[in-house]
PDB file of N, CA and C in Angstrom:
ATOM      1  N   MET A   1      92.787-146.700  72.372  1.00  0.00           N
ATOM      2  CA  MET A   1      92.758-145.928  71.662  1.00  0.00           C
ATOM      3  C   MET A   1      91.217-144.644  71.789  1.00  0.00           C
ATOM      4  N   PRO A   2      91.756-143.508  71.357  1.00  0.00           N
ATOM      5  CA  PRO A   2      90.708-142.652  72.199  1.00  0.00           C
ATOM      6  C   PRO A   2      89.425-141.895  71.849  1.00  0.00           C
ATOM      7  N   SER A   3      88.638-142.577  72.239  1.00  0.00           N
ATOM      8  CA  SER A   3      86.679-141.926  71.098  1.00  0.00           C
ATOM      9  C   SER A   3      86.739-140.631  70.508  1.00  0.00           C
ATOM     10  N   GLN A   4      86.223-140.555  69.168  1.00  0.00           N
ATOM     11  CA  GLN A   4      85.706-139.146  68.325  1.00  0.00           C
ATOM     12  C   GLN A   4      83.982-139.476  68.131  1.00  0.00           C
ATOM     13  N   GLY A   5      83.892-138.534  67.979  1.00  0.00           N
ATOM     14  CA  GLY A   5      82.881-137.940  67.799  1.00  0.00           C
ATOM     15  C   GLY A   5      82.658-137.463  66.067  1.00  0.00           C
ATOM     16  N   LEU A   6      81.959-138.224  65.403  1.00  0.00           N
ATOM     17  CA  LEU A   6      82.021-137.761  63.879  1.00  0.00           C
ATOM     18  C   LEU A   6      80.974-137.465  63.866  1.00  0.00           C
ATOM     19  N   PRO A   7      81.590-135.816  62.847  1.00  0.00           N
ATOM     20  CA  PRO A   7      79.598-134.127  62.913  1.00  0.00           C
ATOM     21  C   PRO A   7      78.481-135.508  62.265  1.00  0.00           C
ATOM     22  N   LEU A   8      77.571-134.483  62.776  1.00  0.00           N
ATOM     23  CA  LEU A   8      76.236-134.970  62.832  1.00  0.00           C
ATOM     24  C   LEU A   8      75.438-134.199  62.451  1.00  0.00           C
ATOM     25  N   PRO A   9      74.703-133.487  61.620  1.00  0.00           N
ATOM     26  CA  PRO A   9      75.214-134.517  60.284  1.00  0.00           C
ATOM     27  C   PRO A   9      75.611-134.816  59.493  1.00  0.00           C
ATOM     28  N   LYS A  10      75.670-136.066  58.884  1.00  0.00           N
ATOM     29  CA  LYS A  10      77.173-135.718  57.805  1.00  0.00           C
ATOM     30  C   LYS A  10      77.633-134.735  57.449  1.00  0.00           C
ATOM     31  N   ASP A  11      76.074-134.905  56.778  1.00  0.00           N
ATOM     32  CA  ASP A  11      76.085-132.920  54.573  1.00  0.00           C
ATOM     33  C   ASP A  11      77.093-131.923  55.748  1.00  0.00           C
ATOM     34  N   TRP A  12      76.932-132.021  57.065  1.00  0.00           N
ATOM     35  CA  TRP A  12      77.989-130.372  57.276  1.00  0.00           C
ATOM     36  C   TRP A  12      79.184-131.049  57.053  1.00  0.00           C
ATOM     37  N   ILE A  13      80.147-132.057  57.007  1.00  0.00           N
ATOM     38  CA  ILE A  13      81.325-132.471  56.637  1.00  0.00           C
ATOM     39  C   ILE A  13      81.876-131.361  55.728  1.00  0.00           C
ATOM     40  N   GLU A  14      80.709-132.001  53.806  1.00  0.00           N
ATOM     41  CA  GLU A  14      80.264-130.707  53.053  1.00  0.00           C
ATOM     42  C   GLU A  14      80.118-129.490  53.428  1.00  0.00           C
ATOM     43  N   ARG A  15      79.086-129.284  53.951  1.00  0.00           N
ATOM     44  CA  ARG A  15      78.494-128.128  54.051  1.00  0.00           C
ATOM     45  C   ARG A  15      79.736-126.216  54.526  1.00  0.00           C
ATOM     46  N   TRP A  16      81.190-127.621  55.349  1.00  0.00           N
ATOM     47  CA  TRP A  16      81.193-126.931  56.686  1.00  0.00           C
ATOM     48  C   TRP A  16      82.619-127.015  55.911  1.00  0.00           C
ATOM     49  N   SER A  17      83.384-127.458  54.793  1.00  0.00           N
ATOM     50  CA  SER A  17      84.210-127.890  54.117  1.00  0.00           C
ATOM     51  C   SER A  17      85.033-128.756  55.447  1.00  0.00           C
ATOM     52  N   LEU A  18      84.831-129.410  56.058  1.00  0.00           N
ATOM     53  CA  LEU A  18      85.896-130.256  56.963  1.00  0.00           C
ATOM     54  C   LEU A  18      86.320-130.935  56.520  1.00  0.00           C
ATOM     55  N   GLU A  19      86.247-131.645  55.070  1.00  0.00           N
ATOM     56  CA  GLU A  19      87.551-132.215  55.183  1.00  0.00           C
ATOM     57  C   GLU A  19      88.382-132.017  54.836  1.00  0.00           C
ATOM     58  N   ARG A  20      89.165-130.708  54.468  1.00  0.00           N
ATOM     59  CA  ARG A  20      89.849-129.911  53.819  1.00  0.00           C
ATOM     60  C   ARG A  20      90.409-128.679  55.080  1.00  0.00           C
ATOM     61  N   LYS A  21      89.981-128.554  56.149  1.00  0.00           N
ATOM     62  CA  LYS A  21      90.413-127.724  57.803  1.00  0.00           C
ATOM     63  C   LYS A  21      91.762-128.407  58.440  1.00  0.00           C
ATOM     64  N   ARG A  22      92.444-128.116  58.393  1.00  0.00           N
ATOM     65  CA  ARG A  22      93.408-128.419  59.484  1.00  0.00           C
ATOM     66  C   ARG A  22      92.592-127.821  61.129  1.00  0.00           C
ATOM     67  N   LEU A  23      92.933-129.487  61.972  1.00  0.00           N
ATOM     68  CA  LEU A  23      92.609-129.026  63.174  1.00  0.00           C
ATOM     69  C   LEU A  23      94.077-128.803  63.857  1.00  0.00           C
ATOM     70  N   PRO A  24      94.085-127.746  65.412  1.00  0.00           N
ATOM     71  CA  PRO A  24      94.695-127.200  66.215  1.00  0.00           C
ATOM     72  C   PRO A  24      95.404-128.746  67.003  1.00  0.00           C
ATOM     73  N   GLU A  25      96.949-128.503  67.762  1.00  0.00           N
ATOM     74  CA  GLU A  25      97.284-129.500  67.792  1.00  0.00           C
ATOM     75  C   GLU A  25      96.499-129.490  68.789  1.00  0.00           C
ATOM     76  N   ASN A  26      96.325-131.278  69.428  1.00  0.00           N
ATOM     77  CA  ASN A  26      95.396-130.882  70.863  1.00  0.00           C
ATOM     78  C   ASN A  26      95.640-132.555  71.707  1.00  0.00           C
ATOM     79  N   ASN A  27      96.533-132.716  71.885  1.00  0.00           N
ATOM     80  CA  ASN A  27      96.786-133.600  73.034  1.00  0.00           C
ATOM     81  C   ASN A  27      95.617-134.314  73.557  1.00  0.00           C
ATOM     82  N   LEU A  28      95.562-135.518  73.210  1.00  0.00           N
ATOM     83  CA  LEU A  28      93.872-136.214  73.555  1.00  0.00           C
ATOM     84  C   LEU A  28      94.112-137.052  75.061  1.00  0.00           C
ATOM     85  N   ASP A  29      95.504-137.488  75.066  1.00  0.00           N
ATOM     86  CA  ASP A  29      96.045-138.074  75.772  1.00  0.00           C
ATOM     87  C   ASP A  29      95.515-137.514  77.509  1.00  0.00           C
ATOM     88  N   ARG A  30      94.801-135.587  77.465  1.00  0.00           N
ATOM     89  CA  ARG A  30      94.551-135.321  78.996  1.00  0.00           C
ATOM     90  C   ARG A  30      93.116-135.540  78.276  1.00  0.00           C
ATOM     91  N   ASP A  31      92.705-135.548  80.434  1.00  0.00           N
ATOM     92  CA  ASP A  31      90.996-135.423  80.257  1.00  0.00           C
ATOM     93  C   ASP A  31      90.094-134.368  79.464  1.00  0.00           C
ATOM     94  N   HIS A  32      88.778-134.943  79.302  1.00  0.00           N
ATOM     95  CA  HIS A  32      88.328-134.381  78.532  1.00  0.00           C
ATOM     96  C   HIS A  32      87.635-132.812  79.422  1.00  0.00           C
ATOM     97  N   ARG A  33      87.901-133.229  80.808  1.00  0.00           N
ATOM     98  CA  ARG A  33      87.713-131.746  81.188  1.00  0.00           C
ATOM     99  C   ARG A  33      88.638-130.407  80.535  1.00  0.00           C
ATOM    100  N   THR A  34      89.890-130.831  80.701  1.00  0.00           N
ATOM    101  CA  THR A  34      91.352-130.280  80.665  1.00  0.00           C
ATOM    102  C   THR A  34      91.262-129.286  78.969  1.00  0.00           C
ATOM    103  N   VAL A  35      90.455-130.417  77.781  1.00  0.00           N
ATOM    104  CA  VAL A  35      90.388-131.063  76.576  1.00  0.00           C
ATOM    105  C   VAL A  35      89.289-129.735  76.788  1.00  0.00           C
ATOM    106  N   GLY A  36      87.931-129.729  77.146  1.00  0.00           N
ATOM    107  CA  GLY A  36      87.239-129.007  77.434  1.00  0.00           C
ATOM    108  C   GLY A  36      87.148-127.265  77.145  1.00  0.00           C
ATOM    109  N   ALA A  37      88.031-127.513  78.485  1.00  0.00           N
ATOM    110  CA  ALA A  37      89.095-125.709  78.519  1.00  0.00           C
ATOM    111  C   ALA A  37      89.317-124.619  78.281  1.00  0.00           C
ATOM    112  N   LYS A  38      90.440-125.811  77.342  1.00  0.00           N
ATOM    113  CA  LYS A  38      90.951-125.200  76.085  1.00  0.00           C
ATOM    114  C   LYS A  38      90.127-124.703  75.404  1.00  0.00           C
ATOM    115  N   LEU A  39      89.078-125.946  74.912  1.00  0.00           N
ATOM    116  CA  LEU A  39      88.167-125.266  73.801  1.00  0.00           C
ATOM    117  C   LEU A  39      87.685-124.161  74.193  1.00  0.00           C
ATOM    118  N   GLY A  40      86.715-124.290  75.450  1.00  0.00           N
ATOM    119  CA  GLY A  40      86.522-123.040  75.795  1.00  0.00           C
ATOM    120  C   GLY A  40      87.176-121.728  76.403  1.00  0.00           C
ATOM    121  N   VAL A  41      88.041-121.473  76.010  1.00  0.00           N
ATOM    122  CA  VAL A  41      89.347-120.291  75.779  1.00  0.00           C
ATOM    123  C   VAL A  41      89.474-119.759  74.000  1.00  0.00           C
ATOM    124  N   ALA A  42      89.085-121.377  73.370  1.00  0.00           N
ATOM    125  CA  ALA A  42      89.296-120.636  72.589  1.00  0.00           C
ATOM    126  C   ALA A  42      87.819-119.241  71.821  1.00  0.00           C
ATOM    127  N   LEU A  43      87.036-120.368  72.204  1.00  0.00           N
ATOM    128  CA  LEU A  43      85.270-120.265  71.695  1.00  0.00           C
ATOM    129  C   LEU A  43      85.020-118.848  72.349  1.00  0.00           C
ATOM    130  N   ARG A  44      85.652-118.739  73.644  1.00  0.00           N
ATOM    131  CA  ARG A  44      85.647-116.776  74.294  1.00  0.00           C
ATOM    132  C   ARG A  44      86.261-116.018  73.045  1.00  0.00           C
ATOM    133  N   ARG A  45      87.754-116.961  73.407  1.00  0.00           N
ATOM    134  CA  ARG A  45      88.845-115.931  72.253  1.00  0.00           C
ATOM    135  C   ARG A  45      88.093-115.080  70.540  1.00  0.00           C
ATOM    136  N   PHE A  46      87.057-116.160  69.999  1.00  0.00           N
ATOM    137  CA  PHE A  46      86.239-115.393  69.029  1.00  0.00           C
ATOM    138  C   PHE A  46      85.030-115.830  68.825  1.00  0.00           C
ATOM    139  N   GLY A  47      84.752-115.056  70.507  1.00  0.00           N
ATOM    140  CA  GLY A  47      82.984-114.173  70.276  1.00  0.00           C
ATOM    141  C   GLY A  47      81.659-115.193  70.354  1.00  0.00           C
ATOM    142  N   ALA A  48      82.491-116.300  70.204  1.00  0.00           N
ATOM    143  CA  ALA A  48      80.993-117.998  69.504  1.00  0.00           C
ATOM    144  C   ALA A  48      79.669-117.795  71.381  1.00  0.00           C
ATOM    145  N   PRO A  49      78.314-118.081  70.064  1.00  0.00           N
ATOM    146  CA  PRO A  49      77.599-117.186  71.673  1.00  0.00           C
ATOM    147  C   PRO A  49      77.048-118.372  72.395  1.00  0.00           C
ATOM    148  N   PHE A  50      78.382-119.534  72.033  1.00  0.00           N
ATOM    149  CA  PHE A  50      77.773-121.245  73.229  1.00  0.00           C
ATOM    150  C   PHE A  50      79.451-121.282  73.637  1.00  0.00           C
ATOM    151  N   GLN A  51      78.663-122.199  74.780  1.00  0.00           N
ATOM    152  CA  GLN A  51      80.332-122.633  75.306  1.00  0.00           C
ATOM    153  C   GLN A  51      80.863-124.248  75.081  1.00  0.00           C
ATOM    154  N   ALA A  52      81.680-124.503  75.405  1.00  0.00           N
ATOM    155  CA  ALA A  52      82.028-125.751  74.701  1.00  0.00           C
ATOM    156  C   ALA A  52      80.740-126.880  74.769  1.00  0.00           C
ATOM    157  N   TYR A  53      80.565-127.183  76.466  1.00  0.00           N
ATOM    158  CA  TYR A  53      79.763-128.586  76.532  1.00  0.00           C
ATOM    159  C   TYR A  53      78.138-128.187  75.766  1.00  0.00           C
ATOM    160  N   ASP A  54      78.077-126.884  75.209  1.00  0.00           N
ATOM    161  CA  ASP A  54      76.626-126.906  74.453  1.00  0.00           C
ATOM    162  C   ASP A  54      76.730-126.982  73.295  1.00  0.00           C
ATOM    163  N   LEU A  55      78.125-128.069  73.224  1.00  0.00           N
ATOM    164  CA  LEU A  55      78.477-128.466  71.976  1.00  0.00           C
ATOM    165  C   LEU A  55      78.579-129.850  71.583  1.00  0.00           C
ATOM    166  N   ARG A  56      78.684-130.446  73.049  1.00  0.00           N
ATOM    167  CA  ARG A  56      78.596-131.634  73.153  1.00  0.00           C
ATOM    168  C   ARG A  56      77.726-132.679  73.483  1.00  0.00           C
ATOM    169  N   HIS A  57      76.971-131.749  74.449  1.00  0.00           N
ATOM    170  CA  HIS A  57      75.436-131.811  73.914  1.00  0.00           C
ATOM    171  C   HIS A  57      74.952-131.968  73.049  1.00  0.00           C
ATOM    172  N   ALA A  58      74.457-130.682  72.137  1.00  0.00           N
ATOM    173  CA  ALA A  58      74.036-130.930  71.306  1.00  0.00           C
ATOM    174  C   ALA A  58      74.067-131.760  70.616  1.00  0.00           C
ATOM    175  N   TRP A  59      75.990-132.164  70.084  1.00  0.00           N
ATOM    176  CA  TRP A  59      75.939-134.135  69.776  1.00  0.00           C
ATOM    177  C   TRP A  59      75.389-134.711  69.828  1.00  0.00           C
ATOM    178  N   ALA A  60      75.671-134.579  71.622  1.00  0.00           N
ATOM    179  CA  ALA A  60      74.619-136.002  71.739  1.00  0.00           C
ATOM    180  C   ALA A  60      72.718-136.191  71.395  1.00  0.00           C
ATOM    181  N   VAL A  61      73.021-135.155  71.583  1.00  0.00           N
ATOM    182  CA  VAL A  61      70.443-134.541  71.750  1.00  0.00           C
ATOM    183  C   VAL A  61      70.440-135.047  70.095  1.00  0.00           C
ATOM    184  N   ARG A  62      71.982-134.574  69.402  1.00  0.00           N
ATOM    185  CA  ARG A  62      71.456-135.895  67.724  1.00  0.00           C
ATOM    186  C   ARG A  62      71.717-136.536  67.304  1.00  0.00           C
ATOM    187  N   THR A  63      72.475-137.422  67.808  1.00  0.00           N
ATOM    188  CA  THR A  63      72.559-138.776  68.011  1.00  0.00           C
ATOM    189  C   THR A  63      70.953-139.639  68.535  1.00  0.00           C
ATOM    190  N   ILE A  64      70.595-138.929  69.694  1.00  0.00           N
ATOM    191  CA  ILE A  64      68.936-139.607  70.152  1.00  0.00           C
ATOM    192  C   ILE A  64      67.738-139.324  69.201  1.00  0.00           C
ATOM    193  N   HIS A  65      68.480-137.946  68.048  1.00  0.00           N
ATOM    194  CA  HIS A  65      67.552-137.685  66.633  1.00  0.00           C
ATOM    195  C   HIS A  65      67.510-138.490  66.124  1.00  0.00           C
ATOM    196  N   ILE A  66      68.403-138.950  65.457  1.00  0.00           N
ATOM    197  CA  ILE A  66      68.685-140.239  63.854  1.00  0.00           C
ATOM    198  C   ILE A  66      68.536-140.682  64.864  1.00  0.00           C
ATOM    199  N   GLY A  67      68.812-141.588  65.594  1.00  0.00           N
ATOM    200  CA  GLY A  67      68.462-143.253  66.725  1.00  0.00           C
ATOM    201  C   GLY A  67      69.656-144.319  66.628  1.00  0.00           C
ATOM    202  N   LEU A  68      71.265-143.226  66.734  1.00  0.00           N
ATOM    203  CA  LEU A  68      72.386-143.963  66.770  1.00  0.00           C
ATOM    204  C   LEU A  68      72.002-144.847  68.292  1.00  0.00           C
ATOM    205  N   PRO A  69      72.889-146.010  68.315  1.00  0.00           N
ATOM    206  CA  PRO A  69      72.173-146.520  69.454  1.00  0.00           C
ATOM    207  C   PRO A  69      72.439-145.549  70.939  1.00  0.00           C
ATOM    208  N   ASP A  70      72.638-146.024  71.426  1.00  0.00           N
ATOM    209  CA  ASP A  70      73.258-145.211  72.888  1.00  0.00           C
ATOM    210  C   ASP A  70      74.323-145.877  73.098  1.00  0.00           C
ATOM    211  N   THR A  71      74.696-146.764  72.830  1.00  0.00           N
ATOM    212  CA  THR A  71      76.108-147.566  73.200  1.00  0.00           C
ATOM    213  C   THR A  71      76.898-147.038  72.119  1.00  0.00           C
ATOM    214  N   VAL A  72      76.646-146.445  71.054  1.00  0.00           N
ATOM    215  CA  VAL A  72      77.774-146.217  70.129  1.00  0.00           C
ATOM    216  C   VAL A  72      77.952-144.771  70.050  1.00  0.00           C
ATOM    217  N   ALA A  73      76.497-143.995  70.821  1.00  0.00           N
ATOM    218  CA  ALA A  73      76.917-142.559  71.025  1.00  0.00           C
ATOM    219  C   ALA A  73      77.479-142.089  72.092  1.00  0.00           C
ATOM    220  N   ALA A  74      77.649-143.697  73.584  1.00  0.00           N
ATOM    221  CA  ALA A  74      77.874-143.095  73.956  1.00  0.00           C
ATOM    222  C   ALA A  74      80.137-143.516  74.066  1.00  0.00           C
ATOM    223  N   ARG A  75      79.464-144.515  73.331  1.00  0.00           N
ATOM    224  CA  ARG A  75      81.560-144.465  73.339  1.00  0.00           C
ATOM    225  C   ARG A  75      82.084-144.144  72.877  1.00  0.00           C
ATOM    226  N   MET A  76      81.375-143.182  71.544  1.00  0.00           N
ATOM    227  CA  MET A  76      82.527-142.388  70.827  1.00  0.00           C
ATOM    228  C   MET A  76      81.824-140.636  71.918  1.00  0.00           C
ATOM    229  N   MET A  77      81.475-140.690  73.118  1.00  0.00           N
ATOM    230  CA  MET A  77      81.550-139.123  73.882  1.00  0.00           C
ATOM    231  C   MET A  77      82.439-140.301  75.114  1.00  0.00           C
ATOM    232  N   GLY A  78      82.675-141.573  75.375  1.00  0.00           N
ATOM    233  CA  GLY A  78      83.985-141.634  76.084  1.00  0.00           C
ATOM    234  C   GLY A  78      83.136-141.689  76.996  1.00  0.00           C
ATOM    235  N   HIS A  79      82.066-141.998  77.579  1.00  0.00           N
ATOM    236  CA  HIS A  79      81.279-142.715  78.352  1.00  0.00           C
ATOM    237  C   HIS A  79      80.301-143.888  78.403  1.00  0.00           C
ATOM    238  N   SER A  80      79.632-143.905  80.405  1.00  0.00           N
ATOM    239  CA  SER A  80      78.945-145.103  80.209  1.00  0.00           C
ATOM    240  C   SER A  80      77.913-144.995  79.027  1.00  0.00           C
ATOM    241  N   VAL A  81      76.981-145.793  78.715  1.00  0.00           N
ATOM    242  CA  VAL A  81      75.061-145.781  78.596  1.00  0.00           C
ATOM    243  C   VAL A  81      74.387-145.307  79.911  1.00  0.00           C
ATOM    244  N   ALA A  82      74.591-145.881  80.843  1.00  0.00           N
ATOM    245  CA  ALA A  82      74.197-145.080  82.158  1.00  0.00           C
ATOM    246  C   ALA A  82      74.462-143.708  82.082  1.00  0.00           C
ATOM    247  N   ILE A  83      75.051-143.242  82.380  1.00  0.00           N
ATOM    248  CA  ILE A  83      75.472-141.779  81.861  1.00  0.00           C
ATOM    249  C   ILE A  83      74.940-141.087  81.057  1.00  0.00           C
ATOM    250  N   HIS A  84      75.479-141.418  79.726  1.00  0.00           N
ATOM    251  CA  HIS A  84      74.565-141.053  78.683  1.00  0.00           C
ATOM    252  C   HIS A  84      72.822-140.397  78.598  1.00  0.00           C
ATOM    253  N   THR A  85      72.558-141.281  79.070  1.00  0.00           N
ATOM    254  CA  THR A  85      70.913-141.977  78.710  1.00  0.00           C
ATOM    255  C   THR A  85      70.676-140.636  80.152  1.00  0.00           C
ATOM    256  N   ARG A  86      71.236-141.035  81.306  1.00  0.00           N
ATOM    257  CA  ARG A  86      71.032-140.097  82.656  1.00  0.00           C
ATOM    258  C   ARG A  86      71.008-138.232  81.675  1.00  0.00           C
ATOM    259  N   THR A  87      72.534-138.538  81.224  1.00  0.00           N
ATOM    260  CA  THR A  87      71.781-136.997  80.432  1.00  0.00           C
ATOM    261  C   THR A  87      72.367-136.469  79.835  1.00  0.00           C
ATOM    262  N   TYR A  88      71.128-137.421  78.878  1.00  0.00           N
ATOM    263  CA  TYR A  88      70.868-136.820  77.336  1.00  0.00           C
ATOM    264  C   TYR A  88      69.579-137.036  77.139  1.00  0.00           C
ATOM    265  N   HIS A  89      69.205-137.923  77.660  1.00  0.00           N
ATOM    266  CA  HIS A  89      67.727-137.958  77.826  1.00  0.00           C
ATOM    267  C   HIS A  89      66.765-137.616  78.219  1.00  0.00           C
ATOM    268  N   HIS A  90      66.871-136.655  79.348  1.00  0.00           N
ATOM    269  CA  HIS A  90      65.386-135.887  79.190  1.00  0.00           C
ATOM    270  C   HIS A  90      65.589-135.471  78.233  1.00  0.00           C
ATOM    271  N   TRP A  91      66.288-134.765  76.918  1.00  0.00           N
ATOM    272  CA  TRP A  91      66.136-133.990  75.960  1.00  0.00           C
ATOM    273  C   TRP A  91      65.422-133.709  75.045  1.00  0.00           C
ATOM    274  N   ILE A  92      64.936-135.438  75.203  1.00  0.00           N
ATOM    275  CA  ILE A  92      64.172-135.801  74.538  1.00  0.00           C
ATOM    276  C   ILE A  92      62.363-135.430  75.134  1.00  0.00           C
ATOM    277  N   THR A  93      62.278-135.043  73.649  1.00  0.00           N
ATOM    278  CA  THR A  93      60.562-133.590  73.817  1.00  0.00           C
ATOM    279  C   THR A  93      59.363-134.652  73.102  1.00  0.00           C
ATOM    280  N   ARG A  94      58.980-133.962  73.610  1.00  0.00           N
ATOM    281  CA  ARG A  94      57.141-135.077  72.773  1.00  0.00           C
ATOM    282  C   ARG A  94      57.174-135.381  71.634  1.00  0.00           C
ATOM    283  N   ARG A  95      57.693-133.970  71.169  1.00  0.00           N
ATOM    284  CA  ARG A  95      58.142-133.743  68.626  1.00  0.00           C
ATOM    285  C   ARG A  95      59.181-135.266  68.738  1.00  0.00           C
ATOM    286  N   ASP A  96      59.864-134.819  69.143  1.00  0.00           N
ATOM    287  CA  ASP A  96      61.095-135.869  69.419  1.00  0.00           C
ATOM    288  C   ASP A  96      60.132-137.599  69.233  1.00  0.00           C
ATOM    289  N   GLN A  97      59.511-137.803  69.838  1.00  0.00           N
ATOM    290  CA  GLN A  97      59.058-139.195  70.318  1.00  0.00           C
ATOM    291  C   GLN A  97      58.338-139.693  68.962  1.00  0.00           C
ATOM    292  N   GLN A  98      57.777-138.403  69.241  1.00  0.00           N
ATOM    293  CA  GLN A  98      56.330-138.833  67.850  1.00  0.00           C
ATOM    294  C   GLN A  98      57.546-138.937  66.431  1.00  0.00           C
ATOM    295  N   GLN A  99      58.979-138.307  66.459  1.00  0.00           N
ATOM    296  CA  GLN A  99      59.158-138.705  64.960  1.00  0.00           C
ATOM    297  C   GLN A  99      59.798-139.551  65.390  1.00  0.00           C
ATOM    298  N   ALA A 100      60.588-140.540  66.378  1.00  0.00           N
ATOM    299  CA  ALA A 100      61.147-141.544  66.909  1.00  0.00           C
ATOM    300  C   ALA A 100      59.867-142.280  66.220  1.00  0.00           C
ATOM    301  N   VAL A 101      58.718-142.243  66.391  1.00  0.00           N
ATOM    302  CA  VAL A 101      57.523-143.609  66.648  1.00  0.00           C
ATOM    303  C   VAL A 101      57.454-143.252  64.948  1.00  0.00           C
ATOM    304  N   ASP A 102      57.476-141.964  64.246  1.00  0.00           N
ATOM    305  CA  ASP A 102      56.553-142.208  62.880  1.00  0.00           C
ATOM    306  C   ASP A 102      58.176-143.045  61.986  1.00  0.00           C
ATOM    307  N   ALA A 103      59.150-142.384  61.888  1.00  0.00           N
ATOM    308  CA  ALA A 103      60.251-142.898  61.585  1.00  0.00           C
ATOM    309  C   ALA A 103      60.398-144.685  62.139  1.00  0.00           C
ATOM    310  N   ALA A 104      60.209-145.105  62.877  1.00  0.00           N
ATOM    311  CA  ALA A 104      59.814-146.708  63.301  1.00  0.00           C
ATOM    312  C   ALA A 104      58.946-147.256  62.146  1.00  0.00           C
ATOM    313  N   LEU A 105      57.588-146.460  61.866  1.00  0.00           N
ATOM    314  CA  LEU A 105      56.753-146.980  61.303  1.00  0.00           C
ATOM    315  C   LEU A 105      57.342-146.187  60.136  1.00  0.00           C
ATOM    316  N   ALA A 106      57.630-146.110  59.140  1.00  0.00           N
ATOM    317  CA  ALA A 106      57.950-146.020  58.095  1.00  0.00           C
ATOM    318  C   ALA A 106      58.733-146.573  57.419  1.00  0.00           C
ATOM    319  N   ARG A 107      60.069-147.211  58.761  1.00  0.00           N
ATOM    320  CA  ARG A 107      60.189-148.398  58.171  1.00  0.00           C
ATOM    321  C   ARG A 107      59.792-149.702  58.240  1.00  0.00           C
ATOM    322  N   ARG A 108      59.435-149.968  58.968  1.00  0.00           N
ATOM    323  CA  ARG A 108      57.516-150.529  58.952  1.00  0.00           C
ATOM    324  C   ARG A 108      57.322-151.408  57.678  1.00  0.00           C
ATOM    325  N   SER A 109      56.545-150.129  57.002  1.00  0.00           N
ATOM    326  CA  SER A 109      56.091-149.902  56.167  1.00  0.00           C
ATOM    327  C   SER A 109      57.048-150.281  55.089  1.00  0.00           C
ATOM    328  N   GLN A 110      57.928-149.831  54.392  1.00  0.00           N
ATOM    329  CA  GLN A 110      58.377-149.889  53.768  1.00  0.00           C
ATOM    330  C   GLN A 110      58.959-151.911  53.804  1.00  0.00           C
ATOM    331  N   SER A 111      59.797-151.964  54.852  1.00  0.00           N
ATOM    332  CA  SER A 111      60.126-153.557  55.210  1.00  0.00           C
ATOM    333  C   SER A 111      58.705-154.812  54.409  1.00  0.00           C
ATOM    334  N   GLY A 112      57.900-154.272  54.852  1.00  0.00           N
ATOM    335  CA  GLY A 112      56.519-155.233  54.649  1.00  0.00           C
ATOM    336  C   GLY A 112      56.142-155.633  55.989  1.00  0.00           C
ATOM    337  N   THR A 113      56.975-155.563  56.976  1.00  0.00           N
ATOM    338  CA  THR A 113      56.112-156.146  58.376  1.00  0.00           C
ATOM    339  C   THR A 113      54.917-155.695  58.599  1.00  0.00           C
ATOM    340  N   PRO A 114      53.760-157.020  58.746  1.00  0.00           N
ATOM    341  CA  PRO A 114      52.681-156.824  58.857  1.00  0.00           C
ATOM    342  C   PRO A 114      52.490-155.817  60.919  1.00  0.00           C
ATOM    343  N   ALA A 115      51.646-154.885  60.181  1.00  0.00           N
ATOM    344  CA  ALA A 115      51.109-154.182  61.349  1.00  0.00           C
ATOM    345  C   ALA A 115      50.474-155.634  62.958  1.00  0.00           C
ATOM    346  N   VAL A 116      50.772-154.876  63.970  1.00  0.00           N
ATOM    347  CA  VAL A 116      50.567-156.263  65.453  1.00  0.00           C
ATOM    348  C   VAL A 116      49.073-155.724  65.313  1.00  0.00           C
ATOM    349  N   SER A 117      47.998-157.477  65.450  1.00  0.00           N
ATOM    350  CA  SER A 117      46.810-157.297  65.865  1.00  0.00           C
ATOM    351  C   SER A 117      46.407-156.502  66.782  1.00  0.00           C
ATOM    352  N   ASP A 118      45.501-156.039  67.053  1.00  0.00           N
ATOM    353  CA  ASP A 118      45.122-155.461  67.930  1.00  0.00           C
ATOM    354  C   ASP A 118      44.404-156.986  68.908  1.00  0.00           C
ATOM    355  N   PRO A 119      43.798-156.986  69.952  1.00  0.00           N
ATOM    356  CA  PRO A 119      43.640-158.092  70.613  1.00  0.00           C
ATOM    357  C   PRO A 119      42.142-158.193  70.441  1.00  0.00           C
TER     358      PRO A 119
END
């Protein structure tokens, strides 16, 4: 079964009425480069200010920002965790790191897990 990337963030489904959109016919039995090339042609035809791979990269980076496990994101993108990490983790900024730490600390405090004490 082909892998599938879901809209992230989820509210985009409602925001752009994605559940009511009819996707064009697409042969997913082709390799991702062929599918991407077809999408690129369509994006240029519509005058989009980005390329097909920009959408893929942006989606991958959002999975990192929301804390989706690399194994899940890589599977949804149809590649290995090693490729996912090598390709996308260089986009993690200092701000992203701080947000991840803040979110982890907030989850810990909500769960009542005690803080690790200094030695």
